[in-house]
Amino acid sequence: MNEAIEPRLNGKDLGKLTAFKDIFPKVDLVEGDEIELTIRGDTLLLKTGLGVGSMKSRHFTEAMCTVYFGEDPVAPPLVQDVLTGLR
């Protein structure tokens, strides 16, 4: 995820990449593992079956949103799924 987020930060708040890595589980994830990301303004909340972590950074949360919903999303079907779910 950090590789996708870093260029979207445009050089701002790069230290938050380390903070994000620190709140992420310290084990390899396998298919079927769930990660829940909640973004509210400048706050990112990360939940997994292994715990919960949070951090604050407007630049980071905006970059994270562009990873999934920007011009070149990492998971294009997700955008359509979200739009369908909003209906």
PDB file of N, CA and C in Angstrom:
ATOM      1  N   MET A   1       0.817  -1.193   0.000  1.00  0.00           N
ATOM      2  CA  MET A   1       0.000   0.000   0.000  1.00  0.00           C
ATOM      3  C   MET A   1       0.863   1.260   0.000  1.00  0.00           C
ATOM      4  N   ASN A   2       1.964   1.213   0.749  1.00  0.00           N
ATOM      5  CA  ASN A   2       2.822   2.400   0.802  1.00  0.00           C
ATOM      6  C   ASN A   2       3.332   2.785  -0.578  1.00  0.00           C
ATOM      7  N   GLU A   3       3.614   1.798  -1.421  1.00  0.00           N
ATOM      8  CA  GLU A   3       4.094   2.090  -2.776  1.00  0.00           C
ATOM      9  C   GLU A   3       3.037   2.830  -3.588  1.00  0.00           C
ATOM     10  N   ALA A   4       1.775   2.554  -3.336  1.00  0.00           N
ATOM     11  CA  ALA A   4       0.697   3.245  -4.044  1.00  0.00           C
ATOM     12  C   ALA A   4       0.435   4.629  -3.454  1.00  0.00           C
ATOM     13  N   ILE A   5       0.631   4.761  -2.157  1.00  0.00           N
ATOM     14  CA  ILE A   5       0.331   6.030  -1.473  1.00  0.00           C
ATOM     15  C   ILE A   5       1.440   7.062  -1.672  1.00  0.00           C
ATOM     16  N   GLU A   6       2.693   6.638  -1.598  1.00  0.00           N
ATOM     17  CA  GLU A   6       3.811   7.583  -1.607  1.00  0.00           C
ATOM     18  C   GLU A   6       3.765   8.580  -2.760  1.00  0.00           C
ATOM     19  N   PRO A   7       3.605   8.162  -4.014  1.00  0.00           N
ATOM     20  CA  PRO A   7       3.590   9.164  -5.079  1.00  0.00           C
ATOM     21  C   PRO A   7       2.386  10.108  -5.000  1.00  0.00           C
ATOM     22  N   ARG A   8       1.324   9.665  -4.387  1.00  0.00           N
ATOM     23  CA  ARG A   8       0.119  10.494  -4.268  1.00  0.00           C
ATOM     24  C   ARG A   8       0.238  11.531  -3.155  1.00  0.00           C
ATOM     25  N   LEU A   9       1.244  11.381  -2.278  1.00  0.00           N
ATOM     26  CA  LEU A   9       1.482  12.367  -1.221  1.00  0.00           C
ATOM     27  C   LEU A   9       2.153  13.626  -1.762  1.00  0.00           C
ATOM     28  N   ASN A  10       2.723  13.538  -2.954  1.00  0.00           N
ATOM     29  CA  ASN A  10       3.382  14.695  -3.564  1.00  0.00           C
ATOM     30  C   ASN A  10       4.415  15.332  -2.641  1.00  0.00           C
ATOM     31  N   GLY A  11       5.171  14.478  -1.923  1.00  0.00           N
ATOM     32  CA  GLY A  11       6.238  14.971  -1.071  1.00  0.00           C
ATOM     33  C   GLY A  11       5.789  15.529   0.268  1.00  0.00           C
ATOM     34  N   LYS A  12       4.492  15.496   0.573  1.00  0.00           N
ATOM     35  CA  LYS A  12       3.968  16.061   1.821  1.00  0.00           C
ATOM     36  C   LYS A  12       3.732  14.954   2.848  1.00  0.00           C
ATOM     37  N   ASP A  13       4.133  15.195   4.062  1.00  0.00           N
ATOM     38  CA  ASP A  13       3.841  14.306   5.184  1.00  0.00           C
ATOM     39  C   ASP A  13       4.335  12.875   4.953  1.00  0.00           C
ATOM     40  N   LEU A  14       5.526  12.728   4.349  1.00  0.00           N
ATOM     41  CA  LEU A  14       6.065  11.407   4.032  1.00  0.00           C
ATOM     42  C   LEU A  14       6.332  10.564   5.285  1.00  0.00           C
ATOM     43  N   GLY A  15       6.530  11.202   6.419  1.00  0.00           N
ATOM     44  CA  GLY A  15       6.735  10.472   7.667  1.00  0.00           C
ATOM     45  C   GLY A  15       5.539   9.611   8.050  1.00  0.00           C
ATOM     46  N   LYS A  16       4.389   9.951   7.543  1.00  0.00           N
ATOM     47  CA  LYS A  16       3.182   9.181   7.858  1.00  0.00           C
ATOM     48  C   LYS A  16       3.201   7.807   7.207  1.00  0.00           C
ATOM     49  N   LEU A  17       4.057   7.619   6.194  1.00  0.00           N
ATOM     50  CA  LEU A  17       4.200   6.280   5.607  1.00  0.00           C
ATOM     51  C   LEU A  17       4.716   5.312   6.669  1.00  0.00           C
ATOM     52  N   THR A  18       5.657   5.765   7.493  1.00  0.00           N
ATOM     53  CA  THR A  18       6.175   4.938   8.579  1.00  0.00           C
ATOM     54  C   THR A  18       5.100   4.713   9.632  1.00  0.00           C
ATOM     55  N   ALA A  19       4.351   5.760   9.957  1.00  0.00           N
ATOM     56  CA  ALA A  19       3.274   5.626  10.943  1.00  0.00           C
ATOM     57  C   ALA A  19       2.234   4.618  10.465  1.00  0.00           C
ATOM     58  N   PHE A  20       1.906   4.648   9.174  1.00  0.00           N
ATOM     59  CA  PHE A  20       0.948   3.702   8.619  1.00  0.00           C
ATOM     60  C   PHE A  20       1.491   2.278   8.709  1.00  0.00           C
ATOM     61  N   LYS A  21       2.747   2.117   8.366  1.00  0.00           N
ATOM     62  CA  LYS A  21       3.379   0.796   8.451  1.00  0.00           C
ATOM     63  C   LYS A  21       3.353   0.293   9.896  1.00  0.00           C
ATOM     64  N   ASP A  22       3.547   1.186  10.847  1.00  0.00           N
ATOM     65  CA  ASP A  22       3.568   0.804  12.262  1.00  0.00           C
ATOM     66  C   ASP A  22       2.207   0.332  12.773  1.00  0.00           C
ATOM     67  N   ILE A  23       1.106   0.849  12.224  1.00  0.00           N
ATOM     68  CA  ILE A  23      -0.217   0.413  12.701  1.00  0.00           C
ATOM     69  C   ILE A  23      -0.735  -0.789  11.914  1.00  0.00           C
ATOM     70  N   PHE A  24      -0.044  -1.152  10.837  1.00  0.00           N
ATOM     71  CA  PHE A  24      -0.452  -2.294  10.025  1.00  0.00           C
ATOM     72  C   PHE A  24      -0.005  -3.580  10.722  1.00  0.00           C
ATOM     73  N   PRO A  25      -0.739  -4.683  10.558  1.00  0.00           N
ATOM     74  CA  PRO A  25      -0.336  -5.945  11.200  1.00  0.00           C
ATOM     75  C   PRO A  25       1.094  -6.345  10.832  1.00  0.00           C
ATOM     76  N   LYS A  26       1.779  -6.932  11.773  1.00  0.00           N
ATOM     77  CA  LYS A  26       3.180  -7.316  11.573  1.00  0.00           C
ATOM     78  C   LYS A  26       3.316  -8.739  11.035  1.00  0.00           C
ATOM     79  N   VAL A  27       2.263  -9.243  10.416  1.00  0.00           N
ATOM     80  CA  VAL A  27       2.273 -10.586   9.824  1.00  0.00           C
ATOM     81  C   VAL A  27       1.879 -10.481   8.360  1.00  0.00           C
ATOM     82  N   ASP A  28       2.226 -11.491   7.589  1.00  0.00           N
ATOM     83  CA  ASP A  28       1.793 -11.530   6.193  1.00  0.00           C
ATOM     84  C   ASP A  28       0.303 -11.812   6.142  1.00  0.00           C
ATOM     85  N   LEU A  29      -0.392 -11.037   5.349  1.00  0.00           N
ATOM     86  CA  LEU A  29      -1.820 -11.271   5.159  1.00  0.00           C
ATOM     87  C   LEU A  29      -2.003 -12.349   4.103  1.00  0.00           C
ATOM     88  N   VAL A  30      -3.062 -13.107   4.236  1.00  0.00           N
ATOM     89  CA  VAL A  30      -3.361 -14.147   3.262  1.00  0.00           C
ATOM     90  C   VAL A  30      -4.743 -13.880   2.682  1.00  0.00           C
ATOM     91  N   GLU A  31      -5.005 -14.510   1.545  1.00  0.00           N
ATOM     92  CA  GLU A  31      -6.299 -14.329   0.901  1.00  0.00           C
ATOM     93  C   GLU A  31      -7.410 -14.652   1.893  1.00  0.00           C
ATOM     94  N   GLY A  32      -8.381 -13.771   1.948  1.00  0.00           N
ATOM     95  CA  GLY A  32      -9.496 -13.930   2.878  1.00  0.00           C
ATOM     96  C   GLY A  32      -9.370 -13.060   4.116  1.00  0.00           C
ATOM     97  N   ASP A  33      -8.162 -12.595   4.437  1.00  0.00           N
ATOM     98  CA  ASP A  33      -8.002 -11.671   5.561  1.00  0.00           C
ATOM     99  C   ASP A  33      -8.727 -10.374   5.225  1.00  0.00           C
ATOM    100  N   GLU A  34      -9.332  -9.783   6.211  1.00  0.00           N
ATOM    101  CA  GLU A  34     -10.065  -8.542   6.000  1.00  0.00           C
ATOM    102  C   GLU A  34      -9.346  -7.370   6.656  1.00  0.00           C
ATOM    103  N   ILE A  35      -9.347  -6.263   5.936  1.00  0.00           N
ATOM    104  CA  ILE A  35      -8.804  -5.003   6.440  1.00  0.00           C
ATOM    105  C   ILE A  35      -9.906  -3.966   6.270  1.00  0.00           C
ATOM    106  N   GLU A  36     -10.206  -3.271   7.317  1.00  0.00           N
ATOM    107  CA  GLU A  36     -11.223  -2.222   7.254  1.00  0.00           C
ATOM    108  C   GLU A  36     -10.539  -0.875   7.455  1.00  0.00           C
ATOM    109  N   LEU A  37     -10.663  -0.012   6.466  1.00  0.00           N
ATOM    110  CA  LEU A  37     -10.119   1.342   6.559  1.00  0.00           C
ATOM    111  C   LEU A  37     -11.287   2.319   6.646  1.00  0.00           C
ATOM    112  N   THR A  38     -11.259   3.173   7.642  1.00  0.00           N
ATOM    113  CA  THR A  38     -12.263   4.213   7.785  1.00  0.00           C
ATOM    114  C   THR A  38     -11.528   5.545   7.756  1.00  0.00           C
ATOM    115  N   ILE A  39     -11.994   6.446   6.912  1.00  0.00           N
ATOM    116  CA  ILE A  39     -11.394   7.774   6.822  1.00  0.00           C
ATOM    117  C   ILE A  39     -12.463   8.805   7.134  1.00  0.00           C
ATOM    118  N   ARG A  40     -12.140   9.656   8.098  1.00  0.00           N
ATOM    119  CA  ARG A  40     -13.021  10.779   8.449  1.00  0.00           C
ATOM    120  C   ARG A  40     -12.139  12.005   8.550  1.00  0.00           C
ATOM    121  N   GLY A  41     -12.179  12.821   7.503  1.00  0.00           N
ATOM    122  CA  GLY A  41     -11.347  14.020   7.484  1.00  0.00           C
ATOM    123  C   GLY A  41      -9.875  13.659   7.503  1.00  0.00           C
ATOM    124  N   ASP A  42      -9.182  14.061   8.568  1.00  0.00           N
ATOM    125  CA  ASP A  42      -7.744  13.802   8.662  1.00  0.00           C
ATOM    126  C   ASP A  42      -7.410  12.535   9.452  1.00  0.00           C
ATOM    127  N   THR A  43      -8.421  11.762   9.826  1.00  0.00           N
ATOM    128  CA  THR A  43      -8.206  10.576  10.648  1.00  0.00           C
ATOM    129  C   THR A  43      -8.422   9.301   9.853  1.00  0.00           C
ATOM    130  N   LEU A  44      -7.448   8.388   9.946  1.00  0.00           N
ATOM    131  CA  LEU A  44      -7.549   7.076   9.335  1.00  0.00           C
ATOM    132  C   LEU A  44      -7.588   6.051  10.454  1.00  0.00           C
ATOM    133  N   LEU A  45      -8.573   5.170  10.404  1.00  0.00           N
ATOM    134  CA  LEU A  45      -8.710   4.080  11.361  1.00  0.00           C
ATOM    135  C   LEU A  45      -8.542   2.783  10.592  1.00  0.00           C
ATOM    136  N   LEU A  46      -7.655   1.917  11.053  1.00  0.00           N
ATOM    137  CA  LEU A  46      -7.395   0.639  10.412  1.00  0.00           C
ATOM    138  C   LEU A  46      -7.767  -0.472  11.387  1.00  0.00           C
ATOM    139  N   LYS A  47      -8.660  -1.385  10.946  1.00  0.00           N
ATOM    140  CA  LYS A  47      -9.056  -2.525  11.773  1.00  0.00           C
ATOM    141  C   LYS A  47      -8.749  -3.803  11.015  1.00  0.00           C
ATOM    142  N   THR A  48      -8.191  -4.760  11.724  1.00  0.00           N
ATOM    143  CA  THR A  48      -7.983  -6.109  11.186  1.00  0.00           C
ATOM    144  C   THR A  48      -8.378  -7.085  12.291  1.00  0.00           C
ATOM    145  N   GLY A  49      -8.325  -8.353  11.978  1.00  0.00           N
ATOM    146  CA  GLY A  49      -8.586  -9.352  12.999  1.00  0.00           C
ATOM    147  C   GLY A  49      -7.528  -9.368  14.086  1.00  0.00           C
ATOM    148  N   LEU A  50      -6.434  -8.650  13.847  1.00  0.00           N
ATOM    149  CA  LEU A  50      -5.319  -8.619  14.801  1.00  0.00           C
ATOM    150  C   LEU A  50      -5.294  -7.365  15.663  1.00  0.00           C
ATOM    151  N   GLY A  51      -6.173  -6.406  15.377  1.00  0.00           N
ATOM    152  CA  GLY A  51      -6.174  -5.198  16.189  1.00  0.00           C
ATOM    153  C   GLY A  51      -6.647  -3.973  15.438  1.00  0.00           C
ATOM    154  N   VAL A  52      -6.502  -2.836  16.101  1.00  0.00           N
ATOM    155  CA  VAL A  52      -6.972  -1.556  15.596  1.00  0.00           C
ATOM    156  C   VAL A  52      -5.844  -0.539  15.738  1.00  0.00           C
ATOM    157  N   GLY A  53      -5.721   0.349  14.768  1.00  0.00           N
ATOM    158  CA  GLY A  53      -4.756   1.430  14.856  1.00  0.00           C
ATOM    159  C   GLY A  53      -5.314   2.662  14.192  1.00  0.00           C
ATOM    160  N   SER A  54      -4.767   3.813  14.521  1.00  0.00           N
ATOM    161  CA  SER A  54      -5.240   5.047  13.890  1.00  0.00           C
ATOM    162  C   SER A  54      -4.090   6.030  13.749  1.00  0.00           C
ATOM    163  N   MET A  55      -4.300   6.984  12.878  1.00  0.00           N
ATOM    164  CA  MET A  55      -3.325   8.058  12.678  1.00  0.00           C
ATOM    165  C   MET A  55      -4.050   9.262  12.110  1.00  0.00           C
ATOM    166  N   LYS A  56      -3.408  10.431  12.211  1.00  0.00           N
ATOM    167  CA  LYS A  56      -3.999  11.670  11.696  1.00  0.00           C
ATOM    168  C   LYS A  56      -3.062  12.312  10.686  1.00  0.00           C
ATOM    169  N   SER A  57      -3.617  12.615   9.524  1.00  0.00           N
ATOM    170  CA  SER A  57      -2.893  13.363   8.501  1.00  0.00           C
ATOM    171  C   SER A  57      -3.835  13.611   7.333  1.00  0.00           C
ATOM    172  N   ARG A  58      -4.153  14.854   7.099  1.00  0.00           N
ATOM    173  CA  ARG A  58      -5.027  15.202   5.971  1.00  0.00           C
ATOM    174  C   ARG A  58      -4.385  14.773   4.655  1.00  0.00           C
ATOM    175  N   HIS A  59      -3.095  15.028   4.496  1.00  0.00           N
ATOM    176  CA  HIS A  59      -2.415  14.642   3.252  1.00  0.00           C
ATOM    177  C   HIS A  59      -2.488  13.131   3.039  1.00  0.00           C
ATOM    178  N   PHE A  60      -2.278  12.374   4.104  1.00  0.00           N
ATOM    179  CA  PHE A  60      -2.287  10.916   3.979  1.00  0.00           C
ATOM    180  C   PHE A  60      -3.683  10.399   3.648  1.00  0.00           C
ATOM    181  N   THR A  61      -4.711  10.900   4.335  1.00  0.00           N
ATOM    182  CA  THR A  61      -6.065  10.399   4.065  1.00  0.00           C
ATOM    183  C   THR A  61      -6.509  10.756   2.651  1.00  0.00           C
ATOM    184  N   GLU A  62      -6.133  11.938   2.173  1.00  0.00           N
ATOM    185  CA  GLU A  62      -6.480  12.298   0.792  1.00  0.00           C
ATOM    186  C   GLU A  62      -5.740  11.400  -0.197  1.00  0.00           C
ATOM    187  N   ALA A  63      -4.461  11.118   0.075  1.00  0.00           N
ATOM    188  CA  ALA A  63      -3.690  10.229  -0.797  1.00  0.00           C
ATOM    189  C   ALA A  63      -4.295   8.824  -0.793  1.00  0.00           C
ATOM    190  N   MET A  64      -4.705   8.340   0.370  1.00  0.00           N
ATOM    191  CA  MET A  64      -5.314   7.013   0.463  1.00  0.00           C
ATOM    192  C   MET A  64      -6.603   6.961  -0.362  1.00  0.00           C
ATOM    193  N   CYS A  65      -7.391   8.004  -0.310  1.00  0.00           N
ATOM    194  CA  CYS A  65      -8.627   8.038  -1.106  1.00  0.00           C
ATOM    195  C   CYS A  65      -8.327   8.002  -2.604  1.00  0.00           C
ATOM    196  N   THR A  66      -7.271   8.689  -3.028  1.00  0.00           N
ATOM    197  CA  THR A  66      -6.952   8.671  -4.458  1.00  0.00           C
ATOM    198  C   THR A  66      -6.408   7.316  -4.894  1.00  0.00           C
ATOM    199  N   VAL A  67      -5.842   6.541  -3.967  1.00  0.00           N
ATOM    200  CA  VAL A  67      -5.391   5.187  -4.306  1.00  0.00           C
ATOM    201  C   VAL A  67      -6.575   4.368  -4.820  1.00  0.00           C
ATOM    202  N   TYR A  68      -7.714   4.513  -4.170  1.00  0.00           N
ATOM    203  CA  TYR A  68      -8.888   3.713  -4.516  1.00  0.00           C
ATOM    204  C   TYR A  68      -9.890   4.422  -5.418  1.00  0.00           C
ATOM    205  N   PHE A  69      -9.965   5.752  -5.330  1.00  0.00           N
ATOM    206  CA  PHE A  69     -11.009   6.469  -6.050  1.00  0.00           C
ATOM    207  C   PHE A  69     -10.501   7.593  -6.936  1.00  0.00           C
ATOM    208  N   GLY A  70      -9.194   7.670  -7.150  1.00  0.00           N
ATOM    209  CA  GLY A  70      -8.614   8.701  -8.001  1.00  0.00           C
ATOM    210  C   GLY A  70      -8.628   8.309  -9.468  1.00  0.00           C
ATOM    211  N   GLU A  71      -7.832   9.032 -10.262  1.00  0.00           N
ATOM    212  CA  GLU A  71      -7.797   8.818 -11.705  1.00  0.00           C
ATOM    213  C   GLU A  71      -7.309   7.433 -12.105  1.00  0.00           C
ATOM    214  N   ASP A  72      -6.389   6.853 -11.352  1.00  0.00           N
ATOM    215  CA  ASP A  72      -5.828   5.546 -11.680  1.00  0.00           C
ATOM    216  C   ASP A  72      -5.975   4.624 -10.468  1.00  0.00           C
ATOM    217  N   PRO A  73      -7.211   4.188 -10.152  1.00  0.00           N
ATOM    218  CA  PRO A  73      -7.436   3.402  -8.942  1.00  0.00           C
ATOM    219  C   PRO A  73      -6.768   2.030  -9.014  1.00  0.00           C
ATOM    220  N   VAL A  74      -6.326   1.532  -7.848  1.00  0.00           N
ATOM    221  CA  VAL A  74      -5.667   0.225  -7.807  1.00  0.00           C
ATOM    222  C   VAL A  74      -6.658  -0.925  -7.985  1.00  0.00           C
ATOM    223  N   ALA A  75      -7.923  -0.684  -7.731  1.00  0.00           N
ATOM    224  CA  ALA A  75      -8.955  -1.722  -7.863  1.00  0.00           C
ATOM    225  C   ALA A  75     -10.185  -1.120  -8.546  1.00  0.00           C
ATOM    226  N   PRO A  76     -10.135  -0.947  -9.875  1.00  0.00           N
ATOM    227  CA  PRO A  76     -11.256  -0.312 -10.575  1.00  0.00           C
ATOM    228  C   PRO A  76     -12.633  -0.910 -10.270  1.00  0.00           C
ATOM    229  N   PRO A  77     -12.789  -2.225 -10.112  1.00  0.00           N
ATOM    230  CA  PRO A  77     -14.120  -2.743  -9.801  1.00  0.00           C
ATOM    231  C   PRO A  77     -14.664  -2.231  -8.464  1.00  0.00           C
ATOM    232  N   LEU A  78     -13.773  -1.876  -7.534  1.00  0.00           N
ATOM    233  CA  LEU A  78     -14.213  -1.365  -6.242  1.00  0.00           C
ATOM    234  C   LEU A  78     -15.025  -0.084  -6.409  1.00  0.00           C
ATOM    235  N   VAL A  79     -14.598   0.782  -7.303  1.00  0.00           N
ATOM    236  CA  VAL A  79     -15.307   2.050  -7.525  1.00  0.00           C
ATOM    237  C   VAL A  79     -16.752   1.759  -7.922  1.00  0.00           C
ATOM    238  N   GLN A  80     -16.949   0.858  -8.858  1.00  0.00           N
ATOM    239  CA  GLN A  80     -18.309   0.521  -9.290  1.00  0.00           C
ATOM    240  C   GLN A  80     -19.100  -0.143  -8.172  1.00  0.00           C
ATOM    241  N   ASP A  81     -18.453  -1.007  -7.402  1.00  0.00           N
ATOM    242  CA  ASP A  81     -19.141  -1.660  -6.279  1.00  0.00           C
ATOM    243  C   ASP A  81     -19.615  -0.642  -5.259  1.00  0.00           C
ATOM    244  N   VAL A  82     -18.775   0.344  -4.968  1.00  0.00           N
ATOM    245  CA  VAL A  82     -19.158   1.380  -4.003  1.00  0.00           C
ATOM    246  C   VAL A  82     -20.318   2.206  -4.541  1.00  0.00           C
ATOM    247  N   LEU A  83     -20.232   2.602  -5.804  1.00  0.00           N
ATOM    248  CA  LEU A  83     -21.316   3.384  -6.403  1.00  0.00           C
ATOM    249  C   LEU A  83     -22.615   2.594  -6.420  1.00  0.00           C
ATOM    250  N   THR A  84     -22.541   1.319  -6.704  1.00  0.00           N
ATOM    251  CA  THR A  84     -23.736   0.470  -6.693  1.00  0.00           C
ATOM    252  C   THR A  84     -24.309   0.376  -5.279  1.00  0.00           C
ATOM    253  N   GLY A  85     -23.425   0.231  -4.298  1.00  0.00           N
ATOM    254  CA  GLY A  85     -23.867   0.145  -2.912  1.00  0.00           C
ATOM    255  C   GLY A  85     -24.504   1.423  -2.403  1.00  0.00           C
ATOM    256  N   LEU A  86     -24.089   2.565  -2.939  1.00  0.00           N
ATOM    257  CA  LEU A  86     -24.653   3.848  -2.515  1.00  0.00           C
ATOM    258  C   LEU A  86     -26.078   4.030  -3.003  1.00  0.00           C
ATOM    259  N   ARG A  87     -26.376   3.390  -4.109  1.00  0.00           N
ATOM    260  CA  ARG A  87     -27.741   3.504  -4.648  1.00  0.00           C
ATOM    261  C   ARG A  87     -28.687   2.841  -3.699  1.00  0.00           C
TER     262      ARG A  87
END
